[in-house]
């Protein structure tokens, strides 16, 4: 789908924008999917709770917002290079 992106971090000066990324809830976890990053880059982004406290998934003219998903439980890179990140709400949320 054209126009998909993830926007992380409430601080506009520190925002991380992942073009082509997507997100959705499944079984109590927020899953984020994207290409073009190494495992080290993905880990640096998603283990930073300032980045994951607010995640906006924009798709077309719509968007979903997720708040408080600061506990990274899973990062995986499949054979095609797609990264998947599983987050749950942190203890403070």
Protein backbone atom coordinates (compact mmCIF):
# COMPACT_ATOMS: atom_id res chain seq x y z
CA UNK A 1 0.00 0.00 0.00
CA UNK A 2 1.33 3.42 -0.90
CA UNK A 3 1.69 6.00 1.84
CA UNK A 4 2.41 3.61 4.71
CA UNK A 5 4.78 4.76 7.43
CA UNK A 6 5.55 4.46 11.11
CA UNK A 7 6.21 7.62 13.10
CA UNK A 8 7.91 7.11 16.45
CA UNK A 9 8.74 9.49 19.30
CA UNK A 10 6.55 12.33 20.59
CA UNK A 11 9.44 14.81 20.39
CA UNK A 12 9.23 16.28 16.90
CA UNK A 13 13.00 16.94 16.93
CA UNK A 14 13.77 13.28 17.68
CA UNK A 15 11.15 11.61 15.47
CA UNK A 16 11.96 8.42 13.63
CA UNK A 17 9.99 7.91 10.42
CA UNK A 18 10.04 4.46 8.86
CA UNK A 19 8.67 4.65 5.33
CA UNK A 20 6.79 1.56 4.21
CA UNK A 21 6.33 0.37 7.80
CA UNK A 22 3.12 -1.03 9.24
CA UNK A 23 1.74 -1.86 12.69
CA UNK A 24 -1.15 -3.72 14.27
CA UNK A 25 -2.30 -5.44 17.43
CA UNK A 26 -2.40 -9.24 17.75
CA UNK A 27 -2.73 -11.33 20.91
CA UNK A 28 -1.99 -8.40 23.22
CA UNK A 29 1.15 -7.34 21.38
CA UNK A 30 1.78 -4.46 19.02
CA UNK A 31 3.62 -5.74 15.96
CA UNK A 32 5.60 -3.41 13.71
CA UNK A 33 6.88 -4.53 10.30
CA UNK A 34 9.35 -2.82 7.97
CA UNK A 35 12.27 -3.34 5.56
CA UNK A 36 15.59 -1.62 4.98
CA UNK A 37 17.08 -1.75 8.49
CA UNK A 38 19.68 -3.97 10.09
CA UNK A 39 18.95 -5.79 13.34
CA UNK A 40 21.29 -3.36 15.13
CA UNK A 41 19.43 -0.34 13.74
CA UNK A 42 16.04 -1.82 14.58
CA UNK A 43 17.19 -2.69 18.10
CA UNK A 44 18.54 0.82 18.70
CA UNK A 45 15.19 2.29 17.64
CA UNK A 46 12.79 -0.08 19.40
CA UNK A 47 14.71 -0.57 22.67
CA UNK A 48 14.54 3.21 23.17
CA UNK A 49 11.32 3.70 25.15
CA UNK A 50 11.11 7.37 24.10
CA UNK A 51 10.63 6.10 20.54
CA UNK A 52 7.97 3.52 21.36
CA UNK A 53 5.86 5.39 23.92
CA UNK A 54 3.90 6.78 20.97
CA UNK A 55 3.76 4.97 17.64
CA UNK A 56 1.69 6.31 14.76
CA UNK A 57 0.91 4.07 11.83
CA UNK A 58 -0.17 6.13 8.81
CA UNK A 59 -1.74 4.42 5.83
CA UNK A 60 -3.27 6.46 3.05
CA UNK A 61 -5.45 9.16 4.61
CA UNK A 62 -5.90 7.26 7.87
CA UNK A 63 -3.77 6.58 10.91
CA UNK A 64 -3.77 4.50 14.08
CA UNK A 65 -2.01 5.64 17.26
CA UNK A 66 -0.58 3.35 19.89
CA UNK A 67 0.56 4.58 23.30
CA UNK A 68 2.62 2.99 26.05
CA UNK A 69 4.11 0.06 24.13
CA UNK A 70 7.56 0.45 25.67
CA UNK A 71 8.50 -3.16 26.46
CA UNK A 72 10.17 -4.74 23.41
CA UNK A 73 9.70 -8.51 23.60
CA UNK A 74 10.68 -9.68 20.13
CA UNK A 75 12.78 -8.53 17.18
CA UNK A 76 13.14 -10.79 14.18
CA UNK A 77 14.50 -10.49 10.66
CA UNK A 78 13.19 -13.02 8.20
CA UNK A 79 15.01 -14.46 5.20
CA UNK A 80 13.69 -11.67 2.93
CA UNK A 81 15.07 -8.98 5.29
CA UNK A 82 11.73 -7.87 6.73
CA UNK A 83 11.99 -6.85 10.38
CA UNK A 84 9.19 -7.62 12.82
CA UNK A 85 9.10 -6.09 16.29
CA UNK A 86 6.75 -7.19 19.06
CA UNK A 87 5.98 -4.76 21.89
CA UNK A 88 3.78 -4.88 24.98
CA UNK A 89 2.69 -2.08 27.26
CA UNK A 90 5.29 -1.16 29.82
CA UNK A 91 4.77 -1.50 33.58
CA UNK A 92 3.82 2.17 33.91
CA UNK A 93 0.94 1.83 31.40
